[in-house]
Protein backbone atom coordinates (compact mmCIF):
# COMPACT_ATOMS: atom_id res chain seq x y z
CA UNK A 1 64.21 -26.63 -13.44
CA UNK A 2 61.93 -25.25 -16.14
CA UNK A 3 60.33 -22.70 -13.83
CA UNK A 4 56.87 -24.05 -14.64
CA UNK A 5 54.39 -23.83 -11.75
CA UNK A 6 53.82 -27.21 -10.11
CA UNK A 7 51.57 -26.68 -7.07
CA UNK A 8 50.92 -24.48 -4.05
CA UNK A 9 52.43 -25.94 -0.87
CA UNK A 10 51.28 -23.35 1.68
CA UNK A 11 48.74 -20.55 1.56
CA UNK A 12 48.31 -18.02 4.35
CA UNK A 13 45.92 -15.07 4.64
CA UNK A 14 45.27 -12.31 7.14
CA UNK A 15 42.78 -9.43 7.12
CA UNK A 16 45.61 -6.97 7.89
CA UNK A 17 48.72 -8.30 6.16
CA UNK A 18 51.08 -11.25 5.89
CA UNK A 19 54.73 -10.30 6.25
CA UNK A 20 57.18 -11.16 3.46
CA UNK A 21 58.16 -14.61 4.63
CA UNK A 22 61.51 -16.10 5.54
CA UNK A 23 62.71 -18.76 3.17
CA UNK A 24 61.98 -22.36 4.10
CA UNK A 25 64.65 -23.95 6.30
CA UNK A 26 65.60 -27.56 5.56
CA UNK A 27 67.31 -28.93 8.69
CA UNK A 28 68.20 -32.33 7.20
CA UNK A 29 69.93 -32.61 3.83
CA UNK A 30 68.43 -36.05 3.24
CA UNK A 31 64.81 -34.97 3.83
CA UNK A 32 62.47 -32.57 2.07
CA UNK A 33 60.69 -31.72 5.32
CA UNK A 34 61.11 -28.05 6.14
CA UNK A 35 60.64 -25.46 8.89
CA UNK A 36 58.42 -22.46 8.17
CA UNK A 37 57.90 -19.15 9.98
CA UNK A 38 54.34 -17.93 10.54
CA UNK A 39 52.56 -15.29 12.62
CA UNK A 40 49.18 -17.00 12.23
CA UNK A 41 48.93 -17.64 15.99
CA UNK A 42 49.76 -14.04 16.90
CA UNK A 43 53.51 -14.42 17.38
CA UNK A 44 56.02 -15.57 14.79
CA UNK A 45 56.58 -19.28 15.46
CA UNK A 46 58.24 -22.28 13.81
CA UNK A 47 56.21 -24.98 12.05
CA UNK A 48 57.53 -28.27 10.67
CA UNK A 49 56.01 -29.33 7.33
CA UNK A 50 56.35 -32.11 4.81
CA UNK A 51 57.10 -31.09 1.24
CA UNK A 52 53.44 -31.61 0.28
CA UNK A 53 52.40 -28.91 2.78
CA UNK A 54 51.18 -31.22 5.56
CA UNK A 55 51.85 -29.86 9.05
CA UNK A 56 53.93 -32.38 10.99
CA UNK A 57 54.43 -30.35 14.17
CA UNK A 58 54.23 -26.82 15.51
CA UNK A 59 57.70 -26.62 17.01
CA UNK A 60 57.36 -23.45 19.08
CA UNK A 61 54.30 -22.10 20.84
CA UNK A 62 55.47 -19.06 22.78
CA UNK A 63 53.85 -15.73 23.62
CA UNK A 64 56.88 -14.04 22.10
CA UNK A 65 58.27 -14.08 18.54
CA UNK A 66 60.96 -16.20 16.94
CA UNK A 67 63.20 -13.81 15.02
CA UNK A 68 65.72 -15.93 13.13
CA UNK A 69 66.87 -19.52 12.60
CA UNK A 70 70.65 -19.69 13.04
CA UNK A 71 71.18 -23.37 12.20
CA UNK A 72 70.65 -26.98 13.17
CA UNK A 73 72.66 -29.89 14.48
CA UNK A 74 74.32 -32.33 12.09
CA UNK A 75 71.33 -34.68 12.13
CA UNK A 76 68.71 -32.00 11.59
CA UNK A 77 66.92 -33.00 14.79
CA UNK A 78 67.50 -29.76 16.68
CA UNK A 79 66.83 -26.24 15.39
CA UNK A 80 68.63 -23.24 16.89
CA UNK A 81 66.88 -19.89 16.78
CA UNK A 82 66.86 -16.34 18.12
CA UNK A 83 63.91 -14.98 20.06
CA UNK A 84 63.12 -11.99 22.23
CA UNK A 85 62.12 -14.10 25.21
CA UNK A 86 59.25 -13.21 27.50
CA UNK A 87 60.18 -9.60 28.32
CA UNK A 88 60.44 -8.36 24.72
CA UNK A 89 63.66 -6.37 25.12
CA UNK A 90 66.19 -9.21 24.86
CA UNK A 91 67.48 -11.35 21.99
CA UNK A 92 68.14 -14.86 23.27
CA UNK A 93 69.06 -18.17 21.65
CA UNK A 94 67.06 -21.36 22.06
CA UNK A 95 67.04 -24.83 20.57
CA UNK A 96 63.97 -26.91 19.82
CA UNK A 97 63.82 -30.54 18.74
CA UNK A 98 61.39 -31.95 16.20
CA UNK A 99 59.03 -32.98 19.00
CA UNK A 100 58.75 -29.39 20.22
CA UNK A 101 60.99 -29.62 23.30
CA UNK A 102 62.53 -26.17 23.74
CA UNK A 103 65.72 -25.29 25.65
CA UNK A 104 67.20 -21.87 26.40
CA UNK A 105 70.90 -21.81 25.47
CA UNK A 106 71.94 -18.28 26.43
CA UNK A 107 71.60 -17.99 30.19
CA UNK A 108 72.25 -14.26 30.62
CA UNK A 109 69.67 -11.70 29.54
CA UNK A 110 70.77 -9.24 26.87
CA UNK A 111 71.17 -8.92 23.11
CA UNK A 112 72.97 -12.02 21.84
CA UNK A 113 74.64 -12.45 18.45
CA UNK A 114 75.30 -16.15 17.99
CA UNK A 115 76.91 -18.16 15.21
CA UNK A 116 76.95 -21.95 15.05
CA UNK A 117 79.44 -24.42 13.60
CA UNK A 118 78.33 -26.47 10.61
CA UNK A 119 78.06 -29.63 12.73
CA UNK A 120 76.05 -27.84 15.44
CA UNK A 121 78.58 -28.71 18.16
CA UNK A 122 79.94 -25.23 18.87
CA UNK A 123 78.32 -21.85 19.43
CA UNK A 124 80.05 -18.50 19.46
CA UNK A 125 78.08 -15.92 21.46
CA UNK A 126 78.81 -12.21 21.70
CA UNK A 127 76.37 -10.21 23.80
CA UNK A 128 75.83 -7.10 25.85
CA UNK A 129 73.20 -5.92 28.30
CA UNK A 130 72.42 -2.90 30.44
CA UNK A 131 75.47 -3.46 32.67
CA UNK A 132 77.81 -5.51 30.41
CA UNK A 133 79.48 -3.65 27.49
CA UNK A 134 80.43 -6.84 25.62
CA UNK A 135 81.10 -10.45 26.49
CA UNK A 136 82.19 -13.28 24.18
CA UNK A 137 81.67 -16.95 25.00
CA UNK A 138 82.16 -20.32 23.34
CA UNK A 139 79.62 -23.08 24.06
CA UNK A 140 80.26 -26.77 23.41
CA UNK A 141 77.57 -29.28 22.42
CA UNK A 142 76.74 -29.83 26.10
CA UNK A 143 76.14 -26.07 26.47
CA UNK A 144 79.18 -25.63 28.70
CA UNK A 145 80.40 -22.05 28.24
CA UNK A 146 83.96 -20.73 28.18
CA UNK A 147 84.45 -16.96 28.45
CA UNK A 148 86.75 -15.76 25.66
CA UNK A 149 86.64 -12.01 26.17
CA UNK A 150 84.96 -9.61 28.55
CA UNK A 151 85.24 -5.97 27.53
CA UNK A 152 85.69 -3.12 29.94
CA UNK A 153 83.38 -0.14 29.86
CA UNK A 154 85.07 2.17 27.36
CA UNK A 155 83.25 5.13 28.90
CA UNK A 156 84.84 4.70 32.32
CA UNK A 157 86.54 7.95 33.24
CA UNK A 158 84.23 10.01 31.06
CA UNK A 159 81.42 12.25 32.20
CA UNK A 160 78.34 10.40 31.00
CA UNK A 161 74.78 10.14 32.22
CA UNK A 162 72.55 7.21 33.00
CA UNK A 163 69.84 5.36 31.10
CA UNK A 164 66.80 3.63 32.55
CA UNK A 165 64.08 1.44 31.02
CA UNK A 166 60.57 1.55 32.46
CA UNK A 167 57.07 0.70 31.25
CA UNK A 168 53.96 2.83 30.89
CA UNK A 169 50.46 1.94 29.69
CA UNK A 170 49.55 2.59 26.08
CA UNK A 171 46.50 4.58 25.02
CA UNK A 172 44.43 1.38 25.12
CA UNK A 173 44.91 1.35 28.89
CA UNK A 174 46.22 -2.21 29.10
CA UNK A 175 49.29 -2.70 26.91
CA UNK A 176 52.73 -2.08 28.39
CA UNK A 177 55.08 0.18 26.42
CA UNK A 178 58.81 0.34 27.01
CA UNK A 179 60.33 3.76 27.70
CA UNK A 180 63.94 4.90 28.04
CA UNK A 181 64.98 8.02 29.92
CA UNK A 182 68.53 9.36 29.82
CA UNK A 183 69.61 11.74 32.56
CA UNK A 184 72.75 13.92 32.72
CA UNK A 185 75.66 12.83 34.90
CA UNK A 186 74.99 15.72 37.30
CA UNK A 187 71.24 15.11 37.44
CA UNK A 188 69.51 17.06 40.20
CA UNK A 189 65.92 15.93 40.92
CA UNK A 190 65.12 19.35 42.41
CA UNK A 191 65.69 21.07 39.05
CA UNK A 192 63.44 21.34 35.99
CA UNK A 193 64.88 19.90 32.78
CA UNK A 194 63.89 20.35 29.13
CA UNK A 195 63.29 17.11 27.23
CA UNK A 196 64.22 15.91 23.76
CA UNK A 197 61.95 13.08 22.65
CA UNK A 198 63.60 10.80 20.11
CA UNK A 199 60.98 8.93 18.09
CA UNK A 200 60.82 6.25 15.43
CA UNK A 201 57.55 4.47 16.11
CA UNK A 202 57.22 2.41 12.95
CA UNK A 203 57.10 -1.31 12.17
CA UNK A 204 60.19 -3.53 11.94
CA UNK A 205 62.10 -1.43 14.48
CA UNK A 206 62.55 -1.36 18.23
CA UNK A 207 64.45 1.57 19.74
CA UNK A 208 64.74 0.22 23.28
CA UNK A 209 66.35 -3.07 24.23
CA UNK A 210 68.56 -4.69 26.83
CA UNK A 211 71.88 -4.00 25.12
CA UNK A 212 74.57 -1.83 26.66
CA UNK A 213 73.19 1.64 27.36
CA UNK A 214 69.72 0.29 26.50
CA UNK A 215 70.38 0.73 22.75
CA UNK A 216 70.79 4.50 23.15
CA UNK A 217 73.10 6.38 20.80
CA UNK A 218 76.04 8.40 22.10
CA UNK A 219 74.66 11.70 20.85
CA UNK A 220 71.79 11.22 23.32
CA UNK A 221 74.24 11.16 26.22
CA UNK A 222 75.97 14.24 24.80
CA UNK A 223 72.61 15.99 24.70
CA UNK A 224 71.97 15.00 28.30
CA UNK A 225 75.26 16.66 29.30
CA UNK A 226 73.89 19.90 27.84
CA UNK A 227 71.24 19.86 30.57
CA UNK A 228 68.57 17.78 28.82
CA UNK A 229 66.60 14.64 29.45
CA UNK A 230 66.35 12.39 26.37
CA UNK A 231 63.24 10.22 26.22
CA UNK A 232 61.99 7.46 23.91
CA UNK A 233 58.90 5.26 23.92
CA UNK A 234 58.34 2.25 21.66
CA UNK A 235 54.68 2.73 20.80
CA UNK A 236 52.26 0.13 19.48
CA UNK A 237 53.14 -0.60 15.88
CA UNK A 238 56.82 -1.17 16.62
CA UNK A 239 58.66 -4.48 16.49
CA UNK A 240 59.18 -7.59 18.64
CA UNK A 241 55.88 -7.54 20.53
CA UNK A 242 53.65 -9.74 18.37
CA UNK A 243 51.16 -9.23 15.56
CA UNK A 244 48.35 -7.66 17.62
CA UNK A 245 50.77 -5.06 18.98
CA UNK A 246 52.13 -4.18 15.54
CA UNK A 247 48.99 -4.44 13.42
CA UNK A 248 47.09 -1.64 15.18
CA UNK A 249 48.58 0.61 12.50
CA UNK A 250 46.76 -1.15 9.66
CA UNK A 251 44.88 1.34 7.52
CA UNK A 252 45.46 4.16 10.03
CA UNK A 253 49.18 4.83 10.16
CA UNK A 254 49.95 7.58 12.66
CA UNK A 255 46.80 7.30 14.79
CA UNK A 256 47.59 4.82 17.56
CA UNK A 257 51.28 5.71 17.35
CA UNK A 258 50.51 9.36 18.14
CA UNK A 259 48.14 8.37 20.93
CA UNK A 260 50.86 6.25 22.54
CA UNK A 261 53.49 8.96 22.13
CA UNK A 262 51.12 11.31 23.92
CA UNK A 263 50.96 8.82 26.79
CA UNK A 264 54.72 9.19 26.90
CA UNK A 265 54.28 12.96 27.09
CA UNK A 266 51.78 12.53 29.92
CA UNK A 267 54.33 10.43 31.76
CA UNK A 268 57.01 13.08 31.28
CA UNK A 269 54.70 15.79 32.56
CA UNK A 270 54.05 13.71 35.68
CA UNK A 271 57.74 13.81 36.60
CA UNK A 272 58.56 16.68 39.00
CA UNK A 273 61.92 17.36 37.32
CA UNK A 274 60.51 17.87 33.78
CA UNK A 275 59.91 21.35 32.34
CA UNK A 276 56.76 20.57 30.35
CA UNK A 277 56.98 23.93 28.56
CA UNK A 278 60.28 22.91 26.93
CA UNK A 279 59.61 19.69 25.06
CA UNK A 280 61.32 19.03 21.72
CA UNK A 281 61.09 16.08 19.33
CA UNK A 282 63.34 14.56 16.67
CA UNK A 283 63.05 11.56 14.39
CA UNK A 284 64.14 10.23 11.00
CA UNK A 285 62.28 8.34 8.27
CA UNK A 286 59.15 6.93 9.97
CA UNK A 287 60.38 8.96 12.93
CA UNK A 288 60.38 12.02 10.67
CA UNK A 289 56.77 11.25 9.80
CA UNK A 290 56.00 10.95 13.51
CA UNK A 291 57.82 14.20 14.29
CA UNK A 292 55.92 16.23 11.70
CA UNK A 293 52.65 14.50 12.63
CA UNK A 294 53.06 15.35 16.31
CA UNK A 295 54.13 18.93 15.58
CA UNK A 296 51.05 19.42 13.38
CA UNK A 297 48.41 17.23 15.05
CA UNK A 298 49.40 18.03 18.63
CA UNK A 299 50.59 21.62 18.05
CA UNK A 300 50.53 22.72 21.70
CA UNK A 301 52.85 19.99 22.98
CA UNK A 302 56.28 20.40 21.39
CA UNK A 303 58.10 23.70 21.15
CA UNK A 304 60.65 22.43 18.61
CA UNK A 305 60.75 19.61 16.07
CA UNK A 306 63.42 18.31 13.70
CA UNK A 307 62.15 15.85 11.07
CA UNK A 308 64.65 14.04 8.86
CA UNK A 309 63.75 12.18 5.66
CA UNK A 310 60.05 12.20 6.59
CA UNK A 311 57.23 10.47 4.79
CA UNK A 312 54.74 13.31 4.48
CA UNK A 313 52.03 11.54 2.47
CA UNK A 314 51.93 7.75 2.19
CA UNK A 315 50.90 7.87 -1.47
CA UNK A 316 54.51 8.90 -2.20
CA UNK A 317 56.03 5.85 -0.49
CA UNK A 318 56.94 2.54 -2.13
CA UNK A 319 54.12 0.08 -2.58
CA UNK A 320 55.40 -3.05 -0.84
CA UNK A 321 55.74 -1.25 2.50
CA UNK A 322 53.06 1.40 2.14
CA UNK A 323 50.28 -0.82 0.81
CA UNK A 324 51.06 -3.56 3.32
CA UNK A 325 50.14 -1.22 6.14
CA UNK A 326 47.72 1.16 4.40
CA UNK A 327 46.26 -0.78 1.44
CA UNK A 328 45.93 1.36 -1.72
CA UNK A 329 44.63 4.94 -1.88
CA UNK A 330 41.66 3.65 -3.87
CA UNK A 331 40.79 1.17 -1.12
CA UNK A 332 41.59 3.44 1.82
CA UNK A 333 41.42 7.10 0.79
CA UNK A 334 40.16 8.11 4.24
CA UNK A 335 43.18 6.50 5.90
CA UNK A 336 45.61 8.17 3.50
CA UNK A 337 43.98 11.56 4.04
CA UNK A 338 44.03 11.15 7.81
CA UNK A 339 47.72 10.20 7.80
CA UNK A 340 48.89 12.91 5.38
CA UNK A 341 50.83 15.65 7.15
CA UNK A 342 49.96 17.92 4.21
CA UNK A 343 46.46 18.30 5.63
CA UNK A 344 47.56 19.77 8.97
CA UNK A 345 50.09 22.49 8.07
CA UNK A 346 47.83 25.32 9.26
CA UNK A 347 48.15 23.98 12.83
CA UNK A 348 51.89 24.56 13.18
CA UNK A 349 52.88 26.63 16.22
CA UNK A 350 56.40 25.52 17.15
CA UNK A 351 59.74 25.78 15.36
CA UNK A 352 60.19 23.06 12.74
CA UNK A 353 63.29 22.04 10.79
CA UNK A 354 62.91 19.65 7.84
CA UNK A 355 65.98 17.79 6.53
CA UNK A 356 66.48 15.55 3.49
CA UNK A 357 69.23 13.90 1.48
CA UNK A 358 68.96 15.05 -2.11
CA UNK A 359 69.31 11.54 -3.60
CA UNK A 360 67.21 9.74 -1.01
CA UNK A 361 65.83 6.71 -2.86
CA UNK A 362 63.87 5.35 0.11
CA UNK A 363 61.79 8.36 1.11
CA UNK A 364 62.03 10.40 -2.08
CA UNK A 365 62.49 14.13 -1.70
CA UNK A 366 59.05 14.73 -3.22
CA UNK A 367 57.77 14.11 0.32
CA UNK A 368 59.47 17.17 1.76
CA UNK A 369 58.88 19.28 -1.35
CA UNK A 370 55.15 18.62 -1.12
CA UNK A 371 55.12 19.60 2.55
CA UNK A 372 57.20 22.72 1.91
CA UNK A 373 54.75 23.81 -0.78
CA UNK A 374 51.85 23.42 1.65
CA UNK A 375 53.67 25.47 4.30
CA UNK A 376 54.29 28.24 1.76
CA UNK A 377 50.63 28.23 0.73
CA UNK A 378 49.62 28.45 4.40
CA UNK A 379 52.14 31.30 4.95
CA UNK A 380 53.94 29.30 7.62
CA UNK A 381 57.63 29.96 8.18
CA UNK A 382 59.68 26.81 8.69
CA UNK A 383 63.33 25.82 8.26
CA UNK A 384 64.73 23.42 5.68
CA UNK A 385 68.15 21.91 5.03
CA UNK A 386 69.31 19.52 2.30
CA UNK A 387 72.37 17.26 2.23
CA UNK A 388 73.66 17.17 -1.37
CA UNK A 389 74.33 13.71 -2.81
CA UNK A 390 73.29 11.95 0.39
CA UNK A 391 70.79 9.09 0.42
CA UNK A 392 68.27 8.19 3.12
CA UNK A 393 70.96 7.68 5.74
CA UNK A 394 73.33 10.64 5.84
CA UNK A 395 76.85 9.25 6.19
CA UNK A 396 80.48 10.29 6.63
CA UNK A 397 81.44 13.81 7.65
CA UNK A 398 77.98 14.95 6.63
CA UNK A 399 76.62 12.85 9.50
CA UNK A 400 78.61 14.88 12.01
CA UNK A 401 77.29 18.06 10.41
CA UNK A 402 73.76 16.64 10.55
CA UNK A 403 73.75 15.78 14.24
CA UNK A 404 75.40 19.09 15.11
CA UNK A 405 72.64 20.89 13.22
CA UNK A 406 69.84 18.82 14.79
CA UNK A 407 71.00 19.25 18.38
CA UNK A 408 71.98 22.90 18.05
CA UNK A 409 68.61 23.67 16.48
CA UNK A 410 66.86 22.12 19.47
CA UNK A 411 69.06 23.90 22.02
CA UNK A 412 68.76 27.30 20.34
CA UNK A 413 64.98 27.19 19.90
CA UNK A 414 63.84 25.37 23.03
CA UNK A 415 64.50 28.14 25.55
């Protein structure tokens, strides 16, 4: 326990990056053999090692990622884990034994939250999917399920629109991207509707999945009832689709993401009920970066943009995240310059609202201040609003004020 270095057990390298790893999982208390996560084969998988770093067995070998280990049986011979499954929009639970035999536990598609008893004999599963608001089950060790609770749709009796998940091709022409389109309850396909695009687009996040309402937030359905379509696309660079899908952003943050978002715009314009002259966009954090980037680098597309807590130049962002995806400015000055929204302010044509929490310690306010200064120098009129004493995520009553401001700004300026 002296803290003195003894030896290296594992060493992994990648030309793009290696994610901060999960801790080693020791399934058996009487053995030092451990389970390790790695993306070295393209998807995050489970590997079984001895304590001296010798690979005993690759336990999983799927074309989809393992997301989390949730436990093991009492003997440490079966590992239980969460994974997206083949489609990429679910979160399912599997078990795998130490010989690599894999079994799906959760039979229904959806987003499952599972906890396991300490002896591995009981599983509690709460899940939802596109049609099921919430369902709770208890599994025994033989995987026999008992339904404990099945929730009713709390929106029954309310006027609420519909959500639909589809796929389009990315800008590379081959990769499928998930899209979500929300329509108003009184949708009329013979009419032309304005569209609000909600964007995130960054790593470690997936906006669209097979949970109830397809992971859409309620304000999106409210916006639809104001006569809007609300659209989202999970571009390359986002989560749960494997390393090749995510790592296209390396060294060039904002390039492939914008190209894929524009494929989403092309899809919208192909729909006969979309008013392509009334497109608006909103996003927060990485989505704020995407919003400002699209407003400035594709200035003829969106009439209105609202960017919250945006990274405006990646040199201002924290090193562990920023340098993982962009390397350092010294190593990749061209990539930093290309990604910086500060270099495109002269292109602005639409209405743009920038928002920031004054004590944001994730995306520091220097980001927006630097962009504001560039807009002033370029003699561009934009709008700005600050939330005093709010951090990166605006909370409480201020959150209600925030969403009211965002949506009203879009409605008032996208006519």
